[in-house]
Protein backbone atom coordinates (compact mmCIF):
# COMPACT_ATOMS: atom_id res chain seq x y z
CA MET A 1 -80.41 -22.00 39.51
CA LYS A 2 -82.58 -19.73 37.37
CA LEU A 3 -82.52 -17.44 40.73
CA PHE A 4 -78.78 -17.25 41.50
CA ALA A 5 -78.13 -16.75 37.67
CA ALA A 6 -80.24 -13.31 37.53
CA ILE A 7 -79.29 -11.94 41.11
CA ALA A 8 -75.73 -12.14 39.85
CA LEU A 9 -76.72 -11.11 36.78
CA ALA A 10 -77.71 -8.27 38.21
CA PHE A 11 -75.16 -8.09 40.40
CA CYS A 12 -73.05 -7.45 37.25
CA LEU A 13 -74.81 -4.89 35.74
CA GLY A 14 -75.20 -2.56 38.80
CA ALA A 15 -71.17 -3.46 39.84
CA GLY A 16 -71.30 -2.19 35.86
CA MET A 17 -72.81 0.78 36.02
CA ALA A 18 -71.29 1.97 39.33
CA MET A 19 -67.34 1.53 37.57
CA ALA A 20 -68.76 3.96 34.99
CA GLN A 21 -70.35 6.33 37.08
CA SER A 22 -67.24 6.32 38.90
CA SER A 23 -65.33 6.71 36.23
CA SER A 24 -67.09 9.21 34.36
CA SER A 25 -66.85 11.19 38.08
CA ASP A 26 -62.94 10.96 38.03
CA GLU A 27 -62.99 12.32 33.98
CA GLY A 28 -65.45 15.17 35.65
CA ALA A 29 -62.77 15.60 38.16
CA HIS A 30 -59.94 16.07 36.01
CA VAL A 31 -61.37 18.10 33.75
CA LEU A 32 -62.50 20.42 36.17
CA ALA A 33 -59.12 20.54 37.72
CA LEU A 34 -58.46 21.37 33.98
CA ASP A 35 -60.76 24.21 33.95
CA ASN A 36 -59.52 25.68 37.35
CA SER A 37 -55.94 25.74 36.17
CA TRP A 38 -57.24 27.69 33.80
CA ASN A 39 -57.16 30.38 36.27
CA ARG A 40 -53.57 30.33 37.00
CA ALA A 41 -52.48 30.84 33.45
CA LEU A 42 -54.77 34.06 33.70
CA GLU A 43 -53.13 35.39 36.56
CA THR A 44 -49.50 34.51 35.51
CA LYS A 45 -50.48 35.19 31.83
CA ASP A 46 -49.09 31.85 31.13
CA THR A 47 -49.80 31.61 27.08
CA LYS A 48 -48.21 27.78 26.96
CA ALA A 49 -50.10 26.43 29.34
CA LEU A 50 -53.01 28.18 27.86
CA ASP A 51 -52.03 26.63 24.81
CA MET A 52 -52.08 23.08 26.12
CA LEU A 53 -55.74 23.30 27.48
CA LEU A 54 -57.10 25.11 24.54
CA ALA A 55 -57.82 22.96 21.34
CA ASP A 56 -56.38 24.36 17.94
CA THR A 57 -59.96 25.23 16.96
CA PHE A 58 -60.84 26.66 20.00
CA VAL A 59 -63.10 29.60 20.11
CA SER A 60 -64.38 32.00 22.43
CA VAL A 61 -67.59 33.81 22.89
CA ASP A 62 -66.89 37.01 25.74
CA ILE A 63 -69.26 38.68 27.46
CA ASP A 64 -69.84 41.65 24.65
CA GLY A 65 -70.59 39.05 22.08
CA SER A 66 -67.52 39.27 20.48
CA ILE A 67 -65.55 35.70 19.39
CA GLN A 68 -62.00 35.30 19.41
CA THR A 69 -60.18 32.34 18.08
CA LYS A 70 -57.30 30.61 19.98
CA ALA A 71 -54.74 32.64 18.46
CA GLU A 72 -56.01 35.48 19.01
CA PHE A 73 -56.98 34.83 22.99
CA LEU A 74 -53.64 33.68 23.69
CA ALA A 75 -52.47 36.91 21.53
CA GLY A 76 -54.81 39.64 23.95
CA LEU A 77 -53.02 37.96 26.52
CA LYS A 78 -49.29 38.55 25.30
CA ALA A 79 -50.82 42.46 24.25
CA PRO A 80 -48.49 45.33 26.07
CA ASN A 81 -51.69 46.96 27.65
CA TYR A 82 -53.22 43.39 28.63
CA GLU A 83 -53.47 43.64 32.89
CA ALA A 84 -53.93 39.92 34.21
CA PRO A 85 -56.46 40.15 36.83
CA ALA A 86 -54.73 39.91 40.03
CA GLN A 87 -56.95 36.94 41.46
CA ALA A 88 -59.08 34.71 38.86
CA VAL A 89 -61.44 32.51 40.94
CA THR A 90 -63.87 29.90 39.86
CA GLU A 91 -66.55 30.28 42.71
CA SER A 92 -68.28 27.49 41.68
CA SER A 93 -68.56 24.64 38.66
CA LYS A 94 -69.77 21.35 37.89
CA ALA A 95 -68.72 19.27 35.00
CA ASP A 96 -71.10 16.80 32.93
CA VAL A 97 -68.69 14.02 31.07
CA TYR A 98 -70.56 13.00 27.81
CA GLY A 99 -68.08 9.83 26.63
CA ASN A 100 -65.32 12.08 24.83
CA SER A 101 -66.95 15.70 25.84
CA ALA A 102 -67.49 17.54 28.82
CA VAL A 103 -69.29 20.54 29.54
CA VAL A 104 -68.41 23.03 32.55
CA VAL A 105 -70.69 25.14 33.96
CA GLY A 106 -70.08 27.78 36.76
CA VAL A 107 -69.03 31.20 38.10
CA PHE A 108 -66.10 32.67 37.64
CA ARG A 109 -64.61 35.58 39.64
CA THR A 110 -61.95 37.91 38.53
CA GLN A 111 -60.55 40.71 40.99
CA SER A 112 -57.83 43.61 39.05
CA LYS A 113 -57.23 47.07 38.89
CA ASN A 114 -58.65 49.59 36.77
CA ARG A 115 -57.18 52.89 37.24
CA GLY A 116 -55.99 52.62 40.45
CA LYS A 117 -59.09 50.98 42.08
CA THR A 118 -59.85 47.30 42.88
CA VAL A 119 -62.81 45.85 40.09
CA THR A 120 -64.39 42.77 40.99
CA ARG A 121 -66.24 40.94 38.04
CA ARG A 122 -68.12 37.72 37.64
CA GLU A 123 -68.88 36.15 34.97
CA ARG A 124 -70.87 32.72 34.80
CA PHE A 125 -69.43 30.55 32.32
CA VAL A 126 -69.96 27.35 29.71
CA ASP A 127 -66.64 25.52 28.78
CA THR A 128 -67.13 22.63 27.02
CA TRP A 129 -64.16 20.44 26.20
CA VAL A 130 -63.20 17.17 24.52
CA ASN A 131 -60.94 14.07 24.83
CA LEU A 132 -58.94 14.44 21.48
CA ASN A 133 -56.12 11.15 21.50
CA ARG A 134 -56.60 11.41 25.44
CA THR A 135 -55.88 14.56 26.24
CA TRP A 136 -58.63 16.90 27.12
CA ARG A 137 -59.04 19.85 25.47
CA CYS A 138 -61.32 23.21 25.54
CA VAL A 139 -62.94 23.94 22.52
CA ALA A 140 -65.29 26.49 23.03
CA SER A 141 -65.98 28.58 25.70
CA VAL A 142 -68.58 31.39 26.78
CA THR A 143 -68.94 33.83 29.18
CA VAL A 144 -71.81 35.99 30.30
CA LEU A 145 -71.71 39.20 32.64
CA ILE A 146 -73.36 38.84 36.24
CA PRO A 147 -74.87 42.46 36.98
């Protein structure tokens, strides 16, 4: 009887851990999808979509070390001199979920025109997401240029 109880307990613990991993995996996939939707919003200058993805307290650290708030980031996309990239692609990324937060690390590539020439730029990024009131929002983003 004790052996049966021990086996049943081990099975329940294993199933619980598998469910937790699956749930975490599902959340990670959801956050990756949101992170990738950021690319489409950049290509189309969709500041409304970005407004929904970014927390009000969002902060961005750009490749030159400058810092922007959410309002500054969105205003930059609305500026007349902003040229949306023709292509914005996440080459690789990975999400690790920690309860109500997630960290996405990856490589991002953009292609745009500069004085009639196609320019490709690659960046490594770290995006931090928090589940606020059952909605995932990006609270911080850091990018580093890959030479």
